[in-house]
Amino acid sequence: MLEDKVEIIEKVINIIKENIETDEVIIRSTNLREDLDLDSFDVLMIMNEIDDEFSITLEEEDFQKVNTPQEITDLLKAKYEVK
């Protein structure tokens, strides 16, 4: 089982910050593609880091459905039963 939802979103935001160069503030509702101008490769890189951090495997199609740190957290919660 993963950590609680607050810890997950903090880790997700930190992973995003560590993997991209931006001066933008990243919050729960930041759109990765629109606000941060990330491309498919950037999102895939972030996905791989999240896989490593949480010792899980997300499918590429899962990440095509999410656009914000909150949506990533919700995806992790749904797939791995986080409270």
C-alpha atoms as a PDB file:
ATOM      1  CA  MET A   1       0.000   0.000   0.000  1.00  0.00           C
ATOM      2  CA  LEU A   2       1.201   3.500  -0.799  1.00  0.00           C
ATOM      3  CA  GLU A   3       1.506   6.392   1.628  1.00  0.00           C
ATOM      4  CA  ASP A   4      -1.428   8.677   2.327  1.00  0.00           C
ATOM      5  CA  LYS A   5      -2.699  11.056  -0.339  1.00  0.00           C
ATOM      6  CA  VAL A   6      -0.940  14.160   1.045  1.00  0.00           C
ATOM      7  CA  GLU A   7       2.443  12.433   1.042  1.00  0.00           C
ATOM      8  CA  ILE A   8       1.833  11.167  -2.478  1.00  0.00           C
ATOM      9  CA  ILE A   9       0.993  14.560  -3.942  1.00  0.00           C
ATOM     10  CA  GLU A  10       4.048  16.092  -2.279  1.00  0.00           C
ATOM     11  CA  LYS A  11       6.258  13.386  -3.771  1.00  0.00           C
ATOM     12  CA  VAL A  12       4.631  13.744  -7.206  1.00  0.00           C
ATOM     13  CA  ILE A  13       5.220  17.515  -7.212  1.00  0.00           C
ATOM     14  CA  ASN A  14       8.829  17.024  -6.087  1.00  0.00           C
ATOM     15  CA  ILE A  15       9.440  14.476  -8.846  1.00  0.00           C
ATOM     16  CA  ILE A  16       8.092  16.912 -11.422  1.00  0.00           C
ATOM     17  CA  LYS A  17      10.282  19.735 -10.062  1.00  0.00           C
ATOM     18  CA  GLU A  18      13.371  17.529 -10.097  1.00  0.00           C
ATOM     19  CA  ASN A  19      12.844  16.439 -13.698  1.00  0.00           C
ATOM     20  CA  ILE A  20      12.070  19.661 -15.493  1.00  0.00           C
ATOM     21  CA  GLU A  21      13.540  23.118 -15.653  1.00  0.00           C
ATOM     22  CA  THR A  22      10.936  25.739 -14.904  1.00  0.00           C
ATOM     23  CA  ASP A  23      10.420  28.886 -12.915  1.00  0.00           C
ATOM     24  CA  GLU A  24       6.722  28.089 -12.625  1.00  0.00           C
ATOM     25  CA  VAL A  25       5.241  27.249  -9.245  1.00  0.00           C
ATOM     26  CA  ILE A  26       3.899  23.710  -9.373  1.00  0.00           C
ATOM     27  CA  ILE A  27       0.719  23.075  -7.417  1.00  0.00           C
ATOM     28  CA  ARG A  28      -1.967  20.377  -7.444  1.00  0.00           C
ATOM     29  CA  SER A  29      -3.775  21.952 -10.395  1.00  0.00           C
ATOM     30  CA  THR A  30      -0.768  22.783 -12.575  1.00  0.00           C
ATOM     31  CA  ASN A  31      -1.345  21.372 -16.049  1.00  0.00           C
ATOM     32  CA  LEU A  32       1.814  19.530 -17.076  1.00  0.00           C
ATOM     33  CA  ARG A  33       1.261  19.948 -20.798  1.00  0.00           C
ATOM     34  CA  GLU A  34      -0.304  23.408 -20.940  1.00  0.00           C
ATOM     35  CA  ASP A  35       1.184  25.293 -17.970  1.00  0.00           C
ATOM     36  CA  LEU A  36       4.621  23.673 -18.045  1.00  0.00           C
ATOM     37  CA  ASP A  37       4.712  22.983 -21.801  1.00  0.00           C
ATOM     38  CA  LEU A  38       5.864  19.393 -21.320  1.00  0.00           C
ATOM     39  CA  ASP A  39       5.949  17.041 -24.273  1.00  0.00           C
ATOM     40  CA  SER A  40       5.347  13.287 -24.360  1.00  0.00           C
ATOM     41  CA  PHE A  41       8.981  12.514 -23.586  1.00  0.00           C
ATOM     42  CA  ASP A  42       8.933  14.764 -20.497  1.00  0.00           C
ATOM     43  CA  VAL A  43       5.757  13.112 -19.223  1.00  0.00           C
ATOM     44  CA  LEU A  44       7.199   9.655 -19.862  1.00  0.00           C
ATOM     45  CA  MET A  45      10.323  10.598 -17.908  1.00  0.00           C
ATOM     46  CA  ILE A  46       8.187  11.780 -14.989  1.00  0.00           C
ATOM     47  CA  MET A  47       6.125   8.600 -15.201  1.00  0.00           C
ATOM     48  CA  ASN A  48       9.272   6.489 -14.936  1.00  0.00           C
ATOM     49  CA  GLU A  49      10.416   8.436 -11.889  1.00  0.00           C
ATOM     50  CA  ILE A  50       7.020   7.954 -10.241  1.00  0.00           C
ATOM     51  CA  ASP A  51       7.220   4.222 -10.995  1.00  0.00           C
ATOM     52  CA  ASP A  52      10.623   4.103  -9.309  1.00  0.00           C
ATOM     53  CA  GLU A  53       9.636   6.247  -6.331  1.00  0.00           C
ATOM     54  CA  PHE A  54       6.536   4.206  -5.497  1.00  0.00           C
ATOM     55  CA  SER A  55       7.854   0.814  -6.684  1.00  0.00           C
ATOM     56  CA  ILE A  56       4.911   0.388  -9.033  1.00  0.00           C
ATOM     57  CA  THR A  57       4.274   0.174 -12.758  1.00  0.00           C
ATOM     58  CA  LEU A  58       1.919   2.590 -14.463  1.00  0.00           C
ATOM     59  CA  GLU A  59       0.915   2.023 -18.053  1.00  0.00           C
ATOM     60  CA  GLU A  60       1.664   4.687 -20.640  1.00  0.00           C
ATOM     61  CA  GLU A  61      -2.031   5.027 -21.448  1.00  0.00           C
ATOM     62  CA  ASP A  62      -2.670   5.875 -17.785  1.00  0.00           C
ATOM     63  CA  PHE A  63      -0.405   8.871 -18.029  1.00  0.00           C
ATOM     64  CA  GLN A  64      -1.995  10.030 -21.259  1.00  0.00           C
ATOM     65  CA  LYS A  65      -5.199  10.527 -19.255  1.00  0.00           C
ATOM     66  CA  VAL A  66      -3.728  12.739 -16.529  1.00  0.00           C
ATOM     67  CA  ASN A  67      -2.659  16.365 -16.751  1.00  0.00           C
ATOM     68  CA  THR A  68      -2.068  17.596 -13.195  1.00  0.00           C
ATOM     69  CA  PRO A  69      -0.303  16.414 -10.034  1.00  0.00           C
ATOM     70  CA  GLN A  70      -3.755  15.982  -8.472  1.00  0.00           C
ATOM     71  CA  GLU A  71      -4.881  13.696 -11.314  1.00  0.00           C
ATOM     72  CA  ILE A  72      -1.663  11.666 -10.975  1.00  0.00           C
ATOM     73  CA  THR A  73      -2.343  11.294  -7.247  1.00  0.00           C
ATOM     74  CA  ASP A  74      -5.944  10.277  -7.927  1.00  0.00           C
ATOM     75  CA  LEU A  75      -4.711   7.690 -10.452  1.00  0.00           C
ATOM     76  CA  LEU A  76      -2.276   6.238  -7.924  1.00  0.00           C
ATOM     77  CA  LYS A  77      -4.999   6.230  -5.281  1.00  0.00           C
ATOM     78  CA  ALA A  78      -7.460   4.446  -7.558  1.00  0.00           C
ATOM     79  CA  LYS A  79      -4.995   1.825  -8.755  1.00  0.00           C
ATOM     80  CA  TYR A  80      -3.347   1.133  -5.413  1.00  0.00           C
ATOM     81  CA  GLU A  81      -6.095   1.756  -2.863  1.00  0.00           C
ATOM     82  CA  VAL A  82      -4.597   4.683  -0.992  1.00  0.00           C
ATOM     83  CA  LYS A  83      -6.661   6.158   1.821  1.00  0.00           C
END
